């Protein structure tokens, strides 16, 4: 166990600093491994807060929140997928982890298309 701690300890680690990732990591014996099953977009359940429509508009990515009445009630706009998703989460516009994951995938694809001047279709 001590051998692993030395190998995984960062060179930047200092005793009295609590910085994420700089403390030793201990590997537990007989740790359980979980095999990931295939994921499909069909596995997503509707988010009670609504759904998003994503587009590229005027050289920016827009994610519009649509409520249960099919009314777009808010638009988050930016150039980076992570910035948009962070804003959506911070404003509590999304309530399901699978929905947040799906949004991350779609926003990253929109960012790729924006950077590479490709057409984005959601």
N, C-alpha and C. Protein backbone atom coordinates (compact mmCIF):
# COMPACT_ATOMS: atom_id res chain seq x y z
N UNK A 1 0.83 -1.19 0.00
CA UNK A 1 0.00 0.00 0.00
C UNK A 1 0.87 1.25 0.00
N UNK A 2 1.90 1.27 0.80
CA UNK A 2 2.79 2.43 0.86
C UNK A 2 3.45 2.70 -0.48
N UNK A 3 3.78 1.62 -1.20
CA UNK A 3 4.41 1.73 -2.51
C UNK A 3 3.50 2.52 -3.46
N UNK A 4 2.20 2.21 -3.48
CA UNK A 4 1.27 2.91 -4.35
C UNK A 4 1.16 4.38 -3.96
N UNK A 5 1.12 4.67 -2.68
CA UNK A 5 1.00 6.04 -2.22
C UNK A 5 2.17 6.88 -2.71
N UNK A 6 3.37 6.32 -2.70
CA UNK A 6 4.54 7.06 -3.17
C UNK A 6 4.48 7.28 -4.66
N UNK A 7 4.03 6.31 -5.40
CA UNK A 7 3.95 6.41 -6.85
C UNK A 7 2.91 7.44 -7.26
N UNK A 8 1.78 7.47 -6.58
CA UNK A 8 0.69 8.33 -6.98
C UNK A 8 0.73 9.73 -6.35
N UNK A 9 1.68 9.99 -5.47
CA UNK A 9 1.78 11.29 -4.82
C UNK A 9 2.40 12.30 -5.77
N UNK A 10 1.78 13.44 -5.91
CA UNK A 10 2.27 14.47 -6.81
C UNK A 10 3.55 15.11 -6.27
N UNK A 11 4.41 15.57 -7.16
CA UNK A 11 5.63 16.29 -6.76
C UNK A 11 5.28 17.64 -6.16
N UNK A 12 4.10 18.15 -6.48
CA UNK A 12 3.67 19.45 -5.98
C UNK A 12 3.04 19.37 -4.58
N UNK A 13 2.90 18.17 -4.04
CA UNK A 13 2.24 17.98 -2.74
C UNK A 13 3.04 18.66 -1.63
N UNK A 14 2.35 19.46 -0.82
CA UNK A 14 2.95 20.08 0.36
C UNK A 14 2.03 19.78 1.54
N UNK A 15 2.60 19.45 2.66
CA UNK A 15 1.89 18.94 3.82
C UNK A 15 0.68 19.78 4.25
N UNK A 16 0.81 21.08 4.38
CA UNK A 16 -0.27 21.89 4.93
C UNK A 16 -1.19 22.52 3.89
N UNK A 17 -1.06 22.13 2.65
CA UNK A 17 -1.93 22.68 1.61
C UNK A 17 -2.96 21.64 1.20
N UNK A 18 -4.21 22.04 1.20
CA UNK A 18 -5.29 21.12 0.83
C UNK A 18 -5.70 21.39 -0.60
N UNK A 19 -4.90 20.96 -1.55
CA UNK A 19 -5.19 21.16 -2.96
C UNK A 19 -5.66 19.85 -3.56
N UNK A 20 -6.75 19.89 -4.24
CA UNK A 20 -7.32 18.69 -4.84
C UNK A 20 -6.32 18.03 -5.76
N UNK A 21 -6.11 16.75 -5.57
CA UNK A 21 -5.22 15.99 -6.44
C UNK A 21 -3.78 15.95 -6.00
N UNK A 22 -3.42 16.69 -4.96
CA UNK A 22 -2.03 16.72 -4.53
C UNK A 22 -1.75 15.79 -3.34
N UNK A 23 -2.78 15.20 -2.78
CA UNK A 23 -2.59 14.27 -1.67
C UNK A 23 -2.40 12.87 -2.22
N UNK A 24 -1.76 11.98 -1.46
CA UNK A 24 -1.57 10.61 -1.96
C UNK A 24 -2.91 9.90 -2.17
N UNK A 25 -2.94 9.02 -3.14
CA UNK A 25 -4.13 8.22 -3.43
C UNK A 25 -3.81 6.79 -3.01
N UNK A 26 -4.71 6.17 -2.26
CA UNK A 26 -4.52 4.81 -1.80
C UNK A 26 -5.43 3.89 -2.58
N UNK A 27 -4.88 2.82 -3.12
CA UNK A 27 -5.67 1.85 -3.87
C UNK A 27 -6.13 0.75 -2.92
N UNK A 28 -7.42 0.55 -2.85
CA UNK A 28 -8.00 -0.44 -1.94
C UNK A 28 -7.92 -1.82 -2.60
N UNK A 29 -7.52 -2.81 -1.82
CA UNK A 29 -7.50 -4.19 -2.33
C UNK A 29 -8.92 -4.67 -2.56
N UNK A 30 -9.06 -5.55 -3.52
CA UNK A 30 -10.36 -6.16 -3.85
C UNK A 30 -11.43 -5.11 -4.16
N UNK A 31 -11.03 -4.05 -4.80
CA UNK A 31 -12.00 -3.01 -5.16
C UNK A 31 -12.96 -3.56 -6.22
N UNK A 32 -14.23 -3.23 -6.09
CA UNK A 32 -15.24 -3.74 -7.01
C UNK A 32 -15.17 -2.98 -8.33
N UNK A 33 -15.15 -3.71 -9.42
CA UNK A 33 -15.18 -3.13 -10.76
C UNK A 33 -16.57 -3.31 -11.34
N UNK A 34 -17.12 -2.24 -11.86
CA UNK A 34 -18.46 -2.27 -12.43
C UNK A 34 -18.32 -2.13 -13.94
N UNK A 35 -18.90 -3.06 -14.66
CA UNK A 35 -18.85 -3.02 -16.11
C UNK A 35 -19.94 -2.08 -16.62
N UNK A 36 -19.54 -1.12 -17.46
CA UNK A 36 -20.50 -0.16 -18.01
C UNK A 36 -21.33 -0.84 -19.09
N UNK A 37 -22.63 -0.60 -19.04
CA UNK A 37 -23.50 -1.15 -20.07
C UNK A 37 -23.66 -0.12 -21.18
N UNK A 38 -24.10 -0.58 -22.33
CA UNK A 38 -24.30 0.32 -23.46
C UNK A 38 -25.33 1.38 -23.12
N UNK A 39 -25.08 2.59 -23.61
CA UNK A 39 -25.98 3.70 -23.37
C UNK A 39 -26.60 4.13 -24.68
N UNK A 40 -27.83 4.54 -24.64
CA UNK A 40 -28.53 5.01 -25.81
C UNK A 40 -29.29 6.28 -25.46
N UNK A 41 -29.49 7.15 -26.44
CA UNK A 41 -30.27 8.36 -26.19
C UNK A 41 -31.69 8.00 -25.77
N UNK A 42 -32.14 6.80 -26.10
CA UNK A 42 -33.47 6.35 -25.69
C UNK A 42 -33.57 6.13 -24.18
N UNK A 43 -32.42 6.05 -23.50
CA UNK A 43 -32.40 5.83 -22.05
C UNK A 43 -32.76 7.09 -21.26
N UNK A 44 -32.83 8.23 -21.93
CA UNK A 44 -33.09 9.49 -21.23
C UNK A 44 -34.58 9.62 -20.93
N UNK A 45 -34.88 9.97 -19.69
CA UNK A 45 -36.25 10.31 -19.30
C UNK A 45 -36.38 11.83 -19.38
N UNK A 46 -37.57 12.31 -19.68
CA UNK A 46 -37.76 13.75 -19.80
C UNK A 46 -37.50 14.45 -18.48
N UNK A 47 -36.82 15.57 -18.58
CA UNK A 47 -36.52 16.40 -17.41
C UNK A 47 -37.76 17.22 -17.09
N UNK A 48 -38.21 17.21 -15.84
CA UNK A 48 -39.40 17.99 -15.49
C UNK A 48 -39.22 19.49 -15.72
N UNK A 49 -37.98 19.98 -15.78
CA UNK A 49 -37.75 21.40 -16.00
C UNK A 49 -37.84 21.78 -17.47
N UNK A 50 -37.88 20.78 -18.36
CA UNK A 50 -38.01 21.06 -19.78
C UNK A 50 -36.88 20.45 -20.59
N UNK A 51 -36.79 20.85 -21.84
CA UNK A 51 -35.75 20.36 -22.73
C UNK A 51 -35.10 21.55 -23.43
N UNK A 52 -33.97 21.30 -24.08
CA UNK A 52 -33.22 22.36 -24.74
C UNK A 52 -33.16 22.14 -26.23
N UNK A 53 -33.23 23.23 -26.96
CA UNK A 53 -32.95 23.24 -28.39
C UNK A 53 -31.63 23.99 -28.56
N UNK A 54 -30.73 23.40 -29.31
CA UNK A 54 -29.39 23.97 -29.48
C UNK A 54 -29.20 24.36 -30.94
N UNK A 55 -28.59 25.52 -31.15
CA UNK A 55 -28.27 25.96 -32.50
C UNK A 55 -27.04 26.86 -32.48
N UNK A 56 -26.47 27.04 -33.66
CA UNK A 56 -25.40 28.01 -33.83
C UNK A 56 -26.04 29.22 -34.51
N UNK A 57 -25.88 30.38 -33.89
CA UNK A 57 -26.51 31.60 -34.38
C UNK A 57 -25.56 32.76 -34.20
N UNK A 58 -25.26 33.47 -35.28
CA UNK A 58 -24.36 34.62 -35.26
C UNK A 58 -23.03 34.29 -34.57
N UNK A 59 -22.44 33.19 -34.98
CA UNK A 59 -21.13 32.75 -34.50
C UNK A 59 -21.09 32.44 -33.00
N UNK A 60 -22.22 32.03 -32.44
CA UNK A 60 -22.30 31.61 -31.04
C UNK A 60 -23.21 30.39 -30.94
N UNK A 61 -23.04 29.66 -29.85
CA UNK A 61 -23.93 28.52 -29.56
C UNK A 61 -25.05 29.04 -28.67
N UNK A 62 -26.27 28.67 -29.00
CA UNK A 62 -27.41 29.03 -28.17
C UNK A 62 -28.12 27.76 -27.73
N UNK A 63 -28.47 27.71 -26.45
CA UNK A 63 -29.26 26.61 -25.90
C UNK A 63 -30.53 27.22 -25.30
N UNK A 64 -31.66 26.93 -25.92
CA UNK A 64 -32.93 27.50 -25.48
C UNK A 64 -33.70 26.49 -24.65
N UNK A 65 -34.12 26.90 -23.46
CA UNK A 65 -34.92 26.04 -22.58
C UNK A 65 -36.38 26.12 -22.99
N UNK A 66 -36.98 24.97 -23.25
CA UNK A 66 -38.39 24.87 -23.66
C UNK A 66 -39.16 24.19 -22.54
N UNK A 67 -40.25 24.82 -22.09
CA UNK A 67 -41.04 24.26 -20.99
C UNK A 67 -42.06 23.24 -21.50
N UNK A 68 -42.91 22.75 -20.58
CA UNK A 68 -43.89 21.71 -20.93
C UNK A 68 -44.96 22.18 -21.90
N UNK A 69 -45.14 23.50 -22.01
CA UNK A 69 -46.12 24.06 -22.94
C UNK A 69 -45.49 24.34 -24.31
N UNK A 70 -44.27 23.85 -24.51
CA UNK A 70 -43.51 24.07 -25.75
C UNK A 70 -43.21 25.55 -26.00
N UNK A 71 -42.97 26.30 -24.91
CA UNK A 71 -42.60 27.71 -25.00
C UNK A 71 -41.12 27.83 -24.65
N UNK A 72 -40.35 28.47 -25.51
CA UNK A 72 -38.95 28.72 -25.18
C UNK A 72 -38.93 29.88 -24.19
N UNK A 73 -38.41 29.62 -23.00
CA UNK A 73 -38.50 30.63 -21.95
C UNK A 73 -37.15 31.29 -21.61
N UNK A 74 -36.03 30.66 -21.98
CA UNK A 74 -34.72 31.25 -21.72
C UNK A 74 -33.74 30.75 -22.77
N UNK A 75 -32.73 31.57 -23.07
CA UNK A 75 -31.66 31.17 -23.97
C UNK A 75 -30.33 31.46 -23.28
N UNK A 76 -29.47 30.46 -23.24
CA UNK A 76 -28.10 30.62 -22.76
C UNK A 76 -27.22 30.64 -24.00
N UNK A 77 -26.33 31.62 -24.09
CA UNK A 77 -25.52 31.81 -25.29
C UNK A 77 -24.05 31.92 -24.92
N UNK A 78 -23.20 31.34 -25.76
CA UNK A 78 -21.76 31.44 -25.55
C UNK A 78 -21.00 30.76 -26.66
N UNK A 79 -19.68 30.77 -26.55
CA UNK A 79 -18.82 30.15 -27.57
C UNK A 79 -18.31 28.79 -27.13
N UNK A 80 -18.35 28.50 -25.82
CA UNK A 80 -17.81 27.24 -25.31
C UNK A 80 -18.90 26.40 -24.67
N UNK A 81 -18.87 25.11 -24.98
CA UNK A 81 -19.85 24.17 -24.44
C UNK A 81 -19.81 24.14 -22.92
N UNK A 82 -18.61 24.13 -22.35
CA UNK A 82 -18.49 24.04 -20.89
C UNK A 82 -19.08 25.28 -20.21
N UNK A 83 -18.90 26.45 -20.81
CA UNK A 83 -19.45 27.68 -20.23
C UNK A 83 -20.98 27.63 -20.23
N UNK A 84 -21.55 27.18 -21.33
CA UNK A 84 -23.01 27.12 -21.44
C UNK A 84 -23.58 26.09 -20.47
N UNK A 85 -22.98 24.91 -20.43
CA UNK A 85 -23.48 23.87 -19.52
C UNK A 85 -23.33 24.29 -18.07
N UNK A 86 -22.22 24.92 -17.74
CA UNK A 86 -22.02 25.40 -16.36
C UNK A 86 -23.10 26.41 -16.00
N UNK A 87 -23.42 27.31 -16.91
CA UNK A 87 -24.46 28.32 -16.66
C UNK A 87 -25.83 27.66 -16.47
N UNK A 88 -26.13 26.66 -17.28
CA UNK A 88 -27.39 25.93 -17.17
C UNK A 88 -27.50 25.26 -15.80
N UNK A 89 -26.43 24.63 -15.37
CA UNK A 89 -26.42 23.94 -14.07
C UNK A 89 -26.50 24.95 -12.93
N UNK A 90 -25.71 26.02 -13.02
CA UNK A 90 -25.69 27.05 -11.97
C UNK A 90 -27.07 27.67 -11.77
N UNK A 91 -27.79 27.87 -12.86
CA UNK A 91 -29.12 28.47 -12.80
C UNK A 91 -30.23 27.45 -12.53
N UNK A 92 -29.83 26.19 -12.30
CA UNK A 92 -30.76 25.10 -11.98
C UNK A 92 -31.85 24.94 -13.04
N UNK A 93 -31.42 25.02 -14.31
CA UNK A 93 -32.33 24.86 -15.43
C UNK A 93 -32.43 23.41 -15.87
N UNK A 94 -31.70 22.54 -15.19
CA UNK A 94 -31.66 21.11 -15.52
C UNK A 94 -31.68 20.34 -14.20
N UNK A 95 -32.42 19.24 -14.15
CA UNK A 95 -32.55 18.54 -12.87
C UNK A 95 -32.09 17.09 -12.91
N UNK A 96 -31.84 16.56 -14.08
CA UNK A 96 -31.47 15.15 -14.20
C UNK A 96 -30.02 15.02 -14.66
N UNK A 97 -29.29 14.11 -14.04
CA UNK A 97 -27.88 13.89 -14.42
C UNK A 97 -27.77 13.36 -15.85
N UNK A 98 -28.67 12.47 -16.26
CA UNK A 98 -28.59 11.95 -17.62
C UNK A 98 -28.86 13.06 -18.65
N UNK A 99 -29.71 14.00 -18.29
CA UNK A 99 -29.99 15.13 -19.16
C UNK A 99 -28.76 16.05 -19.27
N UNK A 100 -28.10 16.28 -18.14
CA UNK A 100 -26.88 17.10 -18.14
C UNK A 100 -25.80 16.44 -18.98
N UNK A 101 -25.67 15.13 -18.86
CA UNK A 101 -24.69 14.37 -19.65
C UNK A 101 -24.99 14.52 -21.14
N UNK A 102 -26.25 14.33 -21.51
CA UNK A 102 -26.67 14.44 -22.90
C UNK A 102 -26.41 15.85 -23.43
N UNK A 103 -26.71 16.85 -22.62
CA UNK A 103 -26.46 18.24 -23.03
C UNK A 103 -24.98 18.49 -23.26
N UNK A 104 -24.15 17.91 -22.40
CA UNK A 104 -22.70 18.05 -22.58
C UNK A 104 -22.25 17.51 -23.92
N UNK A 105 -22.76 16.35 -24.29
CA UNK A 105 -22.41 15.74 -25.58
C UNK A 105 -22.85 16.64 -26.74
N UNK A 106 -24.09 17.10 -26.70
CA UNK A 106 -24.63 17.91 -27.79
C UNK A 106 -23.94 19.28 -27.87
N UNK A 107 -23.67 19.88 -26.73
CA UNK A 107 -23.00 21.19 -26.73
C UNK A 107 -21.57 21.08 -27.24
N UNK A 108 -20.87 20.00 -26.88
CA UNK A 108 -19.51 19.78 -27.39
C UNK A 108 -19.53 19.62 -28.90
N UNK A 109 -20.53 18.91 -29.41
CA UNK A 109 -20.64 18.74 -30.86
C UNK A 109 -20.92 20.08 -31.53
N UNK A 110 -21.76 20.91 -30.92
CA UNK A 110 -22.06 22.24 -31.46
C UNK A 110 -20.79 23.10 -31.46
N UNK A 111 -20.00 23.01 -30.39
CA UNK A 111 -18.75 23.77 -30.32
C UNK A 111 -17.77 23.32 -31.41
N UNK A 112 -17.68 22.03 -31.61
CA UNK A 112 -16.82 21.50 -32.68
C UNK A 112 -17.25 22.06 -34.03
N UNK A 113 -18.55 22.04 -34.29
CA UNK A 113 -19.07 22.54 -35.56
C UNK A 113 -18.82 24.04 -35.70
N UNK A 114 -18.97 24.78 -34.63
CA UNK A 114 -18.72 26.22 -34.66
C UNK A 114 -17.26 26.50 -35.00
N UNK A 115 -16.34 25.81 -34.32
CA UNK A 115 -14.90 26.02 -34.54
C UNK A 115 -14.46 25.61 -35.94
N UNK A 116 -15.08 24.58 -36.48
CA UNK A 116 -14.67 24.03 -37.78
C UNK A 116 -15.57 24.46 -38.93
N UNK A 117 -16.42 25.46 -38.64
CA UNK A 117 -17.32 26.02 -39.65
C UNK A 117 -18.12 24.95 -40.40
N UNK A 118 -18.67 24.03 -39.60
CA UNK A 118 -19.52 22.99 -40.15
C UNK A 118 -20.97 23.26 -39.74
N UNK A 119 -21.87 22.70 -40.48
CA UNK A 119 -23.28 22.86 -40.17
C UNK A 119 -23.62 22.00 -38.95
N UNK A 120 -24.37 22.57 -38.00
CA UNK A 120 -24.78 21.82 -36.81
C UNK A 120 -26.27 21.54 -36.90
N UNK A 121 -26.61 20.27 -36.77
CA UNK A 121 -28.02 19.86 -36.74
C UNK A 121 -28.23 19.04 -35.48
N UNK A 122 -29.14 19.50 -34.64
CA UNK A 122 -29.41 18.78 -33.39
C UNK A 122 -30.32 17.61 -33.66
